[in-house]
N, C-alpha and C. Protein backbone atom coordinates (compact mmCIF):
# COMPACT_ATOMS: atom_id res chain seq x y z
N MET A 1 0.95 -1.19 0.34
CA MET A 1 0.23 -0.15 -0.21
C MET A 1 0.57 1.40 0.09
N ARG A 2 0.19 2.17 -0.78
CA ARG A 2 1.46 3.30 -0.35
C ARG A 2 0.99 4.35 0.25
N SER A 3 1.64 5.06 0.46
CA SER A 3 1.20 6.07 1.03
C SER A 3 1.66 8.13 0.91
N LYS A 4 0.60 8.33 1.32
CA LYS A 4 0.30 9.84 0.64
C LYS A 4 1.58 10.87 0.94
N LYS A 5 2.16 11.28 0.61
CA LYS A 5 3.62 12.71 0.89
C LYS A 5 2.36 13.67 1.28
N THR A 6 2.99 14.36 2.38
CA THR A 6 2.61 15.46 2.50
C THR A 6 3.60 16.99 2.69
N GLY A 7 3.97 17.97 2.57
CA GLY A 7 4.97 18.89 2.87
C GLY A 7 5.60 18.42 1.46
N TYR A 8 6.68 19.09 1.83
CA TYR A 8 8.24 19.45 1.60
C TYR A 8 9.27 18.92 1.99
N GLY A 9 10.23 18.06 1.52
CA GLY A 9 11.48 17.67 2.38
C GLY A 9 12.62 18.28 2.74
N LEU A 10 13.27 18.65 3.16
CA LEU A 10 14.26 19.08 3.80
C LEU A 10 15.07 19.65 2.70
N LEU A 11 15.46 19.08 1.75
CA LEU A 11 16.34 19.28 0.54
C LEU A 11 15.67 20.09 -0.44
N GLU A 12 14.27 19.16 -0.71
CA GLU A 12 13.71 19.97 -1.79
C GLU A 12 13.48 21.88 -0.65
N MET A 13 13.22 22.03 0.07
CA MET A 13 13.21 22.77 0.86
C MET A 13 14.35 23.92 0.85
N THR A 14 15.75 23.54 0.93
CA THR A 14 17.17 23.86 0.32
C THR A 14 16.78 24.61 -0.32
N VAL A 15 16.89 23.67 -1.75
CA VAL A 15 17.23 23.90 -3.36
C VAL A 15 16.21 25.16 -3.29
N ALA A 16 14.63 25.57 -2.69
CA ALA A 16 14.20 26.52 -3.33
C ALA A 16 14.56 28.26 -2.43
N MET A 17 14.67 27.41 -0.73
CA MET A 17 15.48 29.22 -0.50
C MET A 17 17.24 29.51 -1.00
N THR A 18 17.36 28.70 -1.27
CA THR A 18 18.39 28.82 -2.26
C THR A 18 18.20 29.87 -3.75
N VAL A 19 17.64 29.10 -4.49
CA VAL A 19 17.06 29.18 -5.96
C VAL A 19 16.36 31.11 -5.63
N LEU A 20 15.42 31.15 -4.41
CA LEU A 20 15.02 32.22 -3.89
C LEU A 20 15.76 33.40 -3.37
N THR A 21 16.85 32.83 -2.88
CA THR A 21 17.78 33.53 -2.75
C THR A 21 18.65 34.14 -3.34
N ILE A 22 19.60 33.55 -4.62
CA ILE A 22 19.68 34.04 -5.64
C ILE A 22 19.44 34.36 -6.88
N VAL A 23 17.81 35.10 -7.37
CA VAL A 23 16.67 35.34 -7.46
C VAL A 23 16.47 37.16 -6.70
N ALA A 24 16.98 36.69 -5.33
CA ALA A 24 16.83 38.20 -4.85
C ALA A 24 17.88 39.29 -4.47
N ALA A 25 18.99 38.55 -5.13
CA ALA A 25 20.71 38.78 -5.14
C ALA A 25 20.57 39.82 -6.12
N ILE A 26 20.05 38.90 -7.21
CA ILE A 26 20.38 39.72 -8.49
C ILE A 26 19.02 40.71 -9.25
N ALA A 27 17.97 40.75 -8.12
CA ALA A 27 16.54 42.12 -8.57
C ALA A 27 17.37 43.12 -6.97
N LEU A 28 17.65 42.82 -6.01
CA LEU A 28 17.47 44.22 -5.39
C LEU A 28 18.09 44.94 -5.33
N PRO A 29 19.07 45.26 -6.46
CA PRO A 29 20.16 46.27 -6.50
C PRO A 29 19.64 47.19 -7.47
N ARG A 30 19.17 46.16 -8.73
CA ARG A 30 18.14 47.26 -9.67
C ARG A 30 17.21 47.43 -9.11
N GLY A 31 16.61 46.99 -8.18
CA GLY A 31 15.44 47.43 -8.16
C GLY A 31 15.22 48.79 -6.85
N TRP A 32 16.44 48.62 -6.21
CA TRP A 32 16.84 50.03 -5.29
C TRP A 32 17.64 50.87 -6.71
N GLY A 33 17.90 50.73 -7.79
CA GLY A 33 18.28 51.68 -8.65
C GLY A 33 17.03 52.46 -9.11
N LEU A 34 15.77 51.84 -9.45
CA LEU A 34 14.77 52.01 -9.82
C LEU A 34 14.14 52.96 -8.44
N VAL A 35 13.98 52.32 -8.17
CA VAL A 35 12.90 53.76 -6.44
C VAL A 35 13.99 54.78 -6.40
N LYS A 36 15.27 55.13 -6.91
CA LYS A 36 16.29 56.05 -6.70
C LYS A 36 15.60 57.05 -7.80
N GLU A 37 15.95 56.50 -9.20
CA GLU A 37 15.34 57.54 -9.93
C GLU A 37 14.06 57.58 -9.74
N TYR A 38 13.54 56.70 -9.93
CA TYR A 38 11.70 57.43 -9.15
C TYR A 38 11.05 57.79 -8.20
N ARG A 39 12.23 57.90 -7.86
CA ARG A 39 12.01 59.67 -6.51
C ARG A 39 12.59 60.64 -7.33
N LEU A 40 13.64 60.93 -7.83
CA LEU A 40 14.37 61.56 -8.55
C LEU A 40 13.22 62.27 -9.84
N ARG A 41 12.02 61.87 -10.33
CA ARG A 41 11.37 61.76 -10.95
C ARG A 41 10.34 62.38 -10.65
N GLY A 42 10.19 61.50 -9.51
CA GLY A 42 8.68 62.12 -8.34
C GLY A 42 9.28 63.84 -8.02
N ALA A 43 10.35 63.94 -7.31
CA ALA A 43 10.50 65.16 -7.44
C ALA A 43 10.79 66.64 -8.96
N ALA A 44 10.96 65.99 -9.92
CA ALA A 44 10.77 66.86 -10.78
C ALA A 44 9.24 66.82 -11.32
N TYR A 45 7.84 66.06 -11.17
CA TYR A 45 6.97 65.89 -11.58
C TYR A 45 6.51 66.07 -10.01
N TYR A 46 6.81 66.78 -8.57
CA TYR A 46 6.00 68.02 -7.84
C TYR A 46 6.58 69.04 -7.96
N PHE A 47 8.07 69.39 -8.37
CA PHE A 47 8.27 70.35 -8.52
C PHE A 47 7.92 71.24 -9.65
N ARG A 48 7.23 70.58 -10.67
CA ARG A 48 6.53 71.52 -11.48
C ARG A 48 4.95 71.23 -11.71
N GLY A 49 4.56 70.27 -10.58
CA GLY A 49 3.24 70.45 -9.96
C GLY A 49 2.86 72.05 -9.16
N LEU A 50 4.11 72.26 -8.15
CA LEU A 50 4.49 73.68 -7.60
C LEU A 50 4.21 75.04 -8.46
N VAL A 51 4.99 74.48 -9.61
CA VAL A 51 4.97 76.15 -10.60
C VAL A 51 3.90 75.93 -11.48
N ARG A 52 3.68 75.01 -11.51
CA ARG A 52 2.14 75.40 -11.64
C ARG A 52 0.98 76.42 -10.38
N GLU A 53 0.61 75.53 -9.16
CA GLU A 53 0.34 76.13 -8.28
C GLU A 53 0.39 77.66 -8.25
N VAL A 54 1.41 78.37 -7.76
CA VAL A 54 1.89 79.43 -7.74
C VAL A 54 2.02 79.98 -9.27
N ARG A 55 1.42 79.57 -10.22
CA ARG A 55 1.28 80.99 -11.40
C ARG A 55 -0.32 80.52 -11.00
N ALA A 56 -0.82 79.91 -11.16
CA ALA A 56 -2.99 79.61 -10.84
C ALA A 56 -3.10 80.88 -9.60
N HIS A 57 -1.94 80.71 -8.14
CA HIS A 57 -2.00 81.58 -6.92
C HIS A 57 -1.66 82.92 -7.63
N ALA A 58 -0.90 83.50 -8.14
CA ALA A 58 -0.82 84.37 -8.98
C ALA A 58 -2.18 85.24 -9.53
N ALA A 59 -1.92 84.69 -10.65
CA ALA A 59 -4.03 84.49 -11.12
C ALA A 59 -5.31 84.90 -10.43
N ALA A 60 -4.75 84.12 -9.83
CA ALA A 60 -5.67 83.98 -8.48
C ALA A 60 -5.74 85.55 -8.07
N LYS A 61 -5.01 85.41 -7.18
CA LYS A 61 -5.20 86.88 -6.29
C LYS A 61 -4.76 88.00 -6.74
N SER A 62 -4.45 88.36 -8.12
CA SER A 62 -3.57 89.29 -8.99
C SER A 62 -2.80 89.78 -8.51
N LEU A 63 -1.61 89.27 -7.83
CA LEU A 63 -0.25 89.75 -7.34
C LEU A 63 0.82 88.77 -8.19
N TYR A 64 1.27 89.50 -7.84
CA TYR A 64 3.01 88.90 -7.92
C TYR A 64 2.59 87.39 -7.32
N THR A 65 2.88 86.58 -7.54
CA THR A 65 3.52 85.44 -6.69
C THR A 65 4.57 84.74 -7.38
N GLY A 66 5.56 84.13 -6.30
CA GLY A 66 7.14 83.86 -6.68
C GLY A 66 7.69 82.50 -5.61
N ILE A 67 8.98 81.81 -6.49
CA ILE A 67 9.55 80.73 -5.50
C ILE A 67 10.60 81.11 -5.14
N VAL A 68 11.23 81.87 -4.45
CA VAL A 68 12.74 81.96 -3.58
C VAL A 68 13.56 81.06 -3.38
N PHE A 69 14.16 80.63 -4.44
CA PHE A 69 15.76 79.99 -4.33
C PHE A 69 16.63 80.79 -2.95
N ASP A 70 16.96 80.16 -1.14
CA ASP A 70 18.26 80.76 -0.52
C ASP A 70 19.07 79.13 -0.67
N GLU A 71 19.73 79.87 0.21
CA GLU A 71 21.33 78.46 0.53
C GLU A 71 21.13 78.39 2.10
N VAL A 72 21.14 77.18 2.65
CA VAL A 72 20.65 77.80 3.77
C VAL A 72 21.93 76.02 3.34
N ASP A 73 22.94 76.46 4.46
CA ASP A 73 24.38 75.14 5.04
C ASP A 73 24.41 74.41 3.74
N GLY A 74 24.43 75.10 2.83
CA GLY A 74 25.06 74.52 1.32
C GLY A 74 24.20 74.13 0.79
N GLU A 75 22.56 74.13 1.32
CA GLU A 75 22.39 73.62 0.44
C GLU A 75 20.92 74.19 -0.16
N PRO A 76 20.08 74.07 -1.63
CA PRO A 76 19.22 74.73 -1.96
C PRO A 76 17.91 74.59 -0.62
N GLU A 77 17.42 75.79 0.03
CA GLU A 77 15.62 76.47 0.47
C GLU A 77 14.62 77.04 -0.38
N LEU A 78 13.15 76.11 -0.38
CA LEU A 78 12.04 77.08 -1.04
C LEU A 78 11.60 78.04 -0.56
N SER A 79 10.97 78.86 -0.48
CA SER A 79 10.14 79.71 -0.23
C SER A 79 8.76 79.99 -1.23
N LEU A 80 8.06 80.73 -0.44
CA LEU A 80 6.60 81.39 -1.33
C LEU A 80 6.73 82.59 -1.18
N HIS A 81 6.39 84.02 -1.65
CA HIS A 81 6.41 85.06 -0.89
C HIS A 81 5.46 85.57 -2.28
N VAL A 82 4.65 86.30 -1.98
CA VAL A 82 3.25 87.37 -2.82
C VAL A 82 4.23 89.08 -2.82
N ASP A 83 3.62 89.58 -3.84
CA ASP A 83 4.18 90.91 -4.12
C ASP A 83 3.17 91.57 -2.94
N GLY A 84 4.40 92.30 -1.84
CA GLY A 84 3.48 93.28 -0.84
C GLY A 84 3.60 94.97 -1.09
N ASN A 85 4.19 94.81 -1.96
CA ASN A 85 3.97 95.72 -2.74
C ASN A 85 4.40 96.66 -4.07
N HIS A 86 3.83 96.05 -4.81
CA HIS A 86 3.36 95.84 -6.19
C HIS A 86 4.01 96.60 -7.05
N ASN A 87 5.74 96.27 -7.12
CA ASN A 87 6.94 95.80 -7.41
C ASN A 87 7.60 94.89 -8.26
N GLY A 88 6.36 93.67 -7.74
CA GLY A 88 7.67 92.56 -8.45
C GLY A 88 7.82 91.55 -6.68
N ILE A 89 8.18 90.67 -6.93
CA ILE A 89 9.51 89.50 -6.00
C ILE A 89 10.66 90.21 -6.09
N ARG A 90 11.13 90.81 -4.99
CA ARG A 90 12.73 91.29 -5.30
C ARG A 90 12.86 90.65 -3.40
N ARG A 91 14.21 90.94 -4.30
CA ARG A 91 15.15 89.75 -2.53
C ARG A 91 15.65 90.80 -2.21
N ASP A 92 15.12 92.91 -1.72
CA ASP A 92 15.30 92.91 -1.28
C ASP A 92 14.15 93.11 -0.07
N ASP A 93 13.09 93.16 -1.17
CA ASP A 93 11.86 93.17 -0.48
C ASP A 93 11.52 91.76 0.05
N VAL A 94 12.44 90.48 -0.45
CA VAL A 94 11.76 90.13 0.68
C VAL A 94 12.79 90.01 2.05
N ARG A 95 13.68 90.60 2.17
CA ARG A 95 14.03 90.75 2.83
C ARG A 95 13.78 91.70 4.31
N SER A 96 13.40 92.69 3.85
CA SER A 96 13.23 93.39 4.14
C SER A 96 11.04 92.90 5.48
N GLY A 97 11.23 92.08 4.39
CA GLY A 97 9.66 91.61 4.83
C GLY A 97 8.43 92.04 3.87
N LEU A 98 8.81 92.93 2.96
CA LEU A 98 7.89 93.63 2.13
C LEU A 98 7.02 92.55 1.38
N ASP A 99 7.75 92.13 0.43
CA ASP A 99 7.02 90.83 -0.20
C ASP A 99 7.57 89.40 1.01
N PRO A 100 6.06 89.44 1.67
CA PRO A 100 5.91 88.41 2.90
C PRO A 100 5.59 86.44 2.36
N ARG A 101 6.31 86.28 3.54
CA ARG A 101 5.97 84.89 3.07
C ARG A 101 4.73 83.76 3.25
N ILE A 102 4.33 83.45 2.20
CA ILE A 102 2.92 82.68 2.17
C ILE A 102 3.41 81.12 3.18
N ARG A 103 3.91 80.83 2.55
CA ARG A 103 4.49 78.68 2.60
C ARG A 103 6.20 78.01 3.12
N GLY A 104 7.06 77.83 3.52
CA GLY A 104 7.58 77.81 3.48
C GLY A 104 8.73 78.00 4.93
N PRO A 105 9.51 77.97 4.84
CA PRO A 105 10.50 77.86 3.60
C PRO A 105 10.80 75.69 3.68
N TRP A 106 11.67 74.72 2.71
CA TRP A 106 11.57 73.78 3.25
C TRP A 106 12.30 72.83 2.02
N ARG A 107 12.85 72.06 2.03
CA ARG A 107 14.10 71.83 1.42
C ARG A 107 12.74 70.31 -0.01
N LEU A 108 13.74 70.92 -0.55
CA LEU A 108 13.39 69.35 -2.10
C LEU A 108 14.29 67.97 -1.29
N SER A 109 14.92 67.91 -0.39
CA SER A 109 15.52 66.92 -0.29
C SER A 109 15.00 66.50 1.53
N ASP A 110 13.99 67.29 2.07
CA ASP A 110 13.78 66.52 3.19
C ASP A 110 12.30 66.20 2.27
N GLN A 111 11.86 65.63 1.16
CA GLN A 111 10.76 65.24 1.22
C GLN A 111 11.65 63.70 -0.24
N PHE A 112 11.89 64.51 -0.85
CA PHE A 112 12.53 63.78 -1.36
C PHE A 112 14.02 63.36 -1.31
N PRO A 113 14.06 62.38 -0.26
CA PRO A 113 16.08 61.88 -0.02
C PRO A 113 16.59 61.68 -1.38
N GLY A 114 17.88 61.89 -1.11
CA GLY A 114 19.01 61.16 -2.52
C GLY A 114 19.02 62.42 -3.23
N VAL A 115 17.79 63.31 -3.62
CA VAL A 115 17.52 63.83 -5.10
C VAL A 115 18.80 65.35 -4.29
N ARG A 116 19.14 65.73 -5.57
CA ARG A 116 19.61 66.85 -4.90
C ARG A 116 19.44 67.66 -6.44
N TYR A 117 19.74 69.19 -5.88
CA TYR A 117 19.95 69.92 -6.95
C TYR A 117 21.59 69.93 -7.75
N GLY A 118 21.25 70.33 -8.37
CA GLY A 118 22.70 70.41 -10.15
C GLY A 118 22.92 69.27 -10.69
N SER A 119 24.12 69.01 -11.37
CA SER A 119 24.49 68.08 -11.77
C SER A 119 25.13 67.05 -11.33
N PRO A 120 24.69 66.21 -10.76
CA PRO A 120 25.80 64.57 -10.32
C PRO A 120 26.91 64.59 -9.93
N SER A 121 27.56 64.37 -8.51
CA SER A 121 29.18 64.18 -8.03
C SER A 121 29.78 63.35 -8.89
N SER A 122 29.03 62.17 -9.83
CA SER A 122 29.62 60.73 -10.12
C SER A 122 28.49 60.62 -11.13
N GLY A 123 28.51 59.34 -11.92
CA GLY A 123 28.06 59.11 -12.93
C GLY A 123 28.42 59.45 -14.31
N GLY A 124 28.74 60.36 -14.75
CA GLY A 124 29.41 61.74 -16.17
C GLY A 124 27.78 61.85 -16.38
N GLY A 125 27.66 62.27 -17.88
CA GLY A 125 26.46 63.27 -17.85
C GLY A 125 27.45 64.61 -18.18
N PRO A 126 26.81 65.48 -18.49
CA PRO A 126 27.15 66.95 -18.63
C PRO A 126 26.79 67.49 -17.02
N THR A 127 27.85 68.47 -16.81
CA THR A 127 27.30 69.10 -15.61
C THR A 127 26.91 70.47 -16.03
N PHE A 128 25.88 70.33 -14.50
CA PHE A 128 24.93 71.93 -15.00
C PHE A 128 25.09 72.32 -13.74
N PRO A 129 24.88 73.95 -13.66
CA PRO A 129 24.56 74.99 -12.33
C PRO A 129 22.86 74.43 -11.57
N PRO A 130 22.50 74.35 -10.38
CA PRO A 130 21.01 73.21 -9.85
C PRO A 130 20.69 74.34 -10.63
N LEU A 131 20.20 76.61 -10.51
CA LEU A 131 19.51 77.23 -10.90
C LEU A 131 19.83 77.63 -12.53
N ARG A 132 19.00 77.62 -13.17
CA ARG A 132 18.64 79.32 -13.93
C ARG A 132 18.43 80.48 -14.22
N ILE A 133 17.47 80.67 -13.95
CA ILE A 133 16.95 81.26 -13.37
C ILE A 133 17.08 83.21 -12.77
N GLY A 134 18.53 83.08 -12.52
CA GLY A 134 18.65 85.06 -13.23
C GLY A 134 19.78 85.22 -11.56
N ARG A 135 20.07 86.33 -12.43
CA ARG A 135 21.12 86.60 -10.55
C ARG A 135 20.48 86.59 -8.51
N GLY A 136 18.39 87.14 -9.45
CA GLY A 136 18.14 86.74 -7.83
C GLY A 136 18.08 85.79 -7.28
N ARG A 137 17.83 84.33 -7.85
CA ARG A 137 17.22 83.25 -7.97
C ARG A 137 15.65 83.43 -7.22
N ILE A 138 14.82 83.95 -8.14
CA ILE A 138 13.32 84.60 -7.16
C ILE A 138 12.53 83.55 -8.95
N LEU A 139 12.01 82.80 -9.26
CA LEU A 139 11.05 82.55 -9.93
C LEU A 139 9.44 83.01 -9.82
N SER A 140 9.30 83.73 -10.61
CA SER A 140 8.16 84.85 -9.88
C SER A 140 7.52 84.78 -10.99
N PHE A 141 5.86 84.72 -10.74
CA PHE A 141 5.09 84.98 -12.19
C PHE A 141 4.49 85.83 -11.01
N SER A 142 3.71 86.38 -12.81
CA SER A 142 2.40 87.77 -12.62
C SER A 142 1.70 87.65 -13.07
N PRO A 143 0.70 87.59 -12.64
CA PRO A 143 -1.74 87.95 -12.72
C PRO A 143 -1.38 87.50 -13.74
N ILE A 144 -0.86 87.82 -15.38
CA ILE A 144 -1.56 87.62 -16.43
C ILE A 144 -0.42 86.10 -16.58
N GLY A 145 -0.23 85.59 -15.65
CA GLY A 145 0.59 84.02 -16.41
C GLY A 145 1.84 84.41 -16.69
N THR A 146 2.63 84.98 -16.89
CA THR A 146 3.98 84.94 -17.74
C THR A 146 4.48 85.14 -16.48
N SER A 147 5.72 84.19 -17.04
CA SER A 147 7.03 84.68 -15.71
C SER A 147 8.52 84.79 -15.86
N THR A 148 9.10 84.28 -15.03
CA THR A 148 10.28 84.50 -15.81
C THR A 148 11.24 83.20 -15.71
N SER A 149 11.55 83.33 -17.19
CA SER A 149 12.18 82.15 -17.43
C SER A 149 13.59 81.41 -16.78
N GLY A 150 14.09 80.01 -17.36
CA GLY A 150 14.50 79.48 -16.39
C GLY A 150 14.48 77.79 -16.48
N THR A 151 15.67 77.06 -15.58
CA THR A 151 15.75 75.96 -15.43
C THR A 151 16.46 75.62 -14.18
N LEU A 152 15.35 74.64 -13.41
CA LEU A 152 16.36 73.99 -11.73
C LEU A 152 16.44 71.89 -12.56
N PHE A 153 17.96 71.98 -12.35
CA PHE A 153 18.27 70.36 -12.77
C PHE A 153 18.81 70.14 -11.30
N LEU A 154 18.05 68.75 -11.13
CA LEU A 154 17.85 67.51 -10.25
C LEU A 154 18.87 66.58 -10.47
N SER A 155 19.79 65.97 -9.30
CA SER A 155 20.45 64.43 -9.96
C SER A 155 20.21 63.62 -8.79
N ASN A 156 20.87 62.73 -9.03
CA ASN A 156 21.07 61.63 -7.87
C ASN A 156 22.54 61.04 -7.85
N GLU A 157 23.11 60.56 -6.58
CA GLU A 157 23.88 59.92 -7.32
C GLU A 157 24.26 58.75 -7.59
N GLN A 158 23.55 58.30 -8.23
CA GLN A 158 22.88 57.12 -9.55
C GLN A 158 23.62 58.25 -11.19
N GLY A 159 23.49 58.76 -11.36
CA GLY A 159 24.17 59.68 -12.10
C GLY A 159 22.98 59.99 -12.76
N PHE A 160 21.71 59.56 -12.62
CA PHE A 160 19.99 59.77 -13.27
C PHE A 160 20.62 61.72 -13.00
N GLN A 161 19.37 62.70 -14.70
CA GLN A 161 19.40 64.06 -14.47
C GLN A 161 18.02 64.07 -15.22
N TYR A 162 17.19 65.17 -14.57
CA TYR A 162 15.50 65.89 -15.23
C TYR A 162 16.55 67.17 -14.80
N ALA A 163 15.53 67.97 -16.06
CA ALA A 163 15.37 69.12 -16.02
C ALA A 163 14.16 70.09 -15.97
N VAL A 164 14.25 70.46 -14.76
CA VAL A 164 12.37 71.33 -15.13
C VAL A 164 12.76 73.12 -15.19
N ILE A 165 12.17 72.53 -16.50
CA ILE A 165 12.05 73.81 -18.32
C ILE A 165 10.76 75.33 -17.61
N ILE A 166 11.23 76.30 -17.17
CA ILE A 166 9.81 76.92 -17.21
C ILE A 166 9.52 78.05 -18.68
N LEU A 167 9.16 78.43 -19.21
CA LEU A 167 8.79 79.17 -20.79
C LEU A 167 8.02 80.38 -20.43
N GLY A 168 9.43 80.92 -19.85
CA GLY A 168 8.34 82.74 -19.54
C GLY A 168 7.34 83.61 -19.96
N ALA A 169 6.92 83.18 -21.32
CA ALA A 169 6.19 83.97 -21.83
C ALA A 169 4.96 83.53 -21.67
N SER A 170 4.73 82.22 -21.24
CA SER A 170 3.04 81.80 -21.48
C SER A 170 3.13 81.06 -19.97
N GLY A 171 4.71 81.11 -19.03
CA GLY A 171 4.73 80.12 -18.04
C GLY A 171 4.39 78.88 -18.07
N ARG A 172 4.38 78.35 -18.71
CA ARG A 172 4.14 76.34 -18.62
C ARG A 172 5.24 75.99 -18.56
N VAL A 173 5.85 75.17 -18.07
CA VAL A 173 6.33 74.47 -17.08
C VAL A 173 6.85 72.83 -18.48
N ARG A 174 8.00 72.25 -18.55
CA ARG A 174 8.52 71.02 -19.52
C ARG A 174 9.51 70.67 -18.64
N LEU A 175 9.53 69.45 -18.07
CA LEU A 175 10.31 68.40 -17.51
C LEU A 175 10.84 67.57 -19.43
N ALA A 176 12.56 67.64 -18.42
CA ALA A 176 13.27 66.50 -20.04
C ALA A 176 13.96 65.29 -18.69
N ARG A 177 14.62 64.67 -19.50
CA ARG A 177 15.33 63.48 -18.68
C ARG A 177 16.70 63.26 -19.21
N TYR A 178 17.78 63.29 -19.14
CA TYR A 178 19.10 63.21 -19.52
C TYR A 178 19.08 62.32 -20.03
N ARG A 179 18.77 61.29 -21.34
CA ARG A 179 18.99 59.45 -20.69
C ARG A 179 20.48 59.88 -23.00
N GLY A 180 20.99 58.97 -22.01
CA GLY A 180 21.43 58.21 -23.75
C GLY A 180 22.68 59.51 -24.18
N GLY A 181 22.57 60.34 -23.91
CA GLY A 181 24.02 61.33 -23.93
C GLY A 181 23.27 62.32 -24.64
N GLN A 182 21.37 62.84 -24.45
CA GLN A 182 20.20 63.41 -25.28
C GLN A 182 19.65 63.57 -23.88
N TRP A 183 18.52 64.34 -23.96
CA TRP A 183 18.16 64.98 -22.98
C TRP A 183 16.58 64.85 -24.30
N GLU A 184 15.44 64.15 -23.96
CA GLU A 184 14.49 63.42 -23.84
C GLU A 184 12.65 64.13 -23.60
N PRO A 185 12.51 65.06 -23.47
CA PRO A 185 11.20 65.39 -22.90
C PRO A 185 10.46 64.57 -22.65
N LEU A 186 9.36 64.89 -20.84
CA LEU A 186 8.84 63.82 -20.98
C LEU A 186 7.23 64.06 -20.13
N PRO A 187 6.57 63.32 -20.11
CA PRO A 187 4.72 63.94 -20.45
C PRO A 187 4.53 64.49 -19.30
């Protein structure tokens, strides 16, 4: 008479665990790299959304509204300001309080760890300054929808690079990713 076998033997379990361990060891580094790239992509989309929000605020309140970039402890810091004296957002007015802060300050890396402004310190590819928005480092939006032209470059230590491009005449925002030696637009 035959007995019914239930369960698995020790050898079968050992082989299965070995195969799973090998697959995990191969997949984990690739998966971690994808997490870091998607975090960087998320930061680019977040910034695009922030720019759109500030542009909408300027139109809704009929006030110049801007994103002010400062540097604290070697890391850029963002804050949102409105024009308090009807001459646009100006660095002196921000310092004196004439252009009051409506939100912030905060750092992008607080929400997206591993994401930095500018080009990566490793990984090759072109080198860019963190911001290209003028001397005042203020991205300003008018009540009619125009803005300061500029580009914000984002990267991570794996060498991935994204650009958030603000088109001044229309105030629209475009995203691009550096891949294969060229910039490719993102939806």
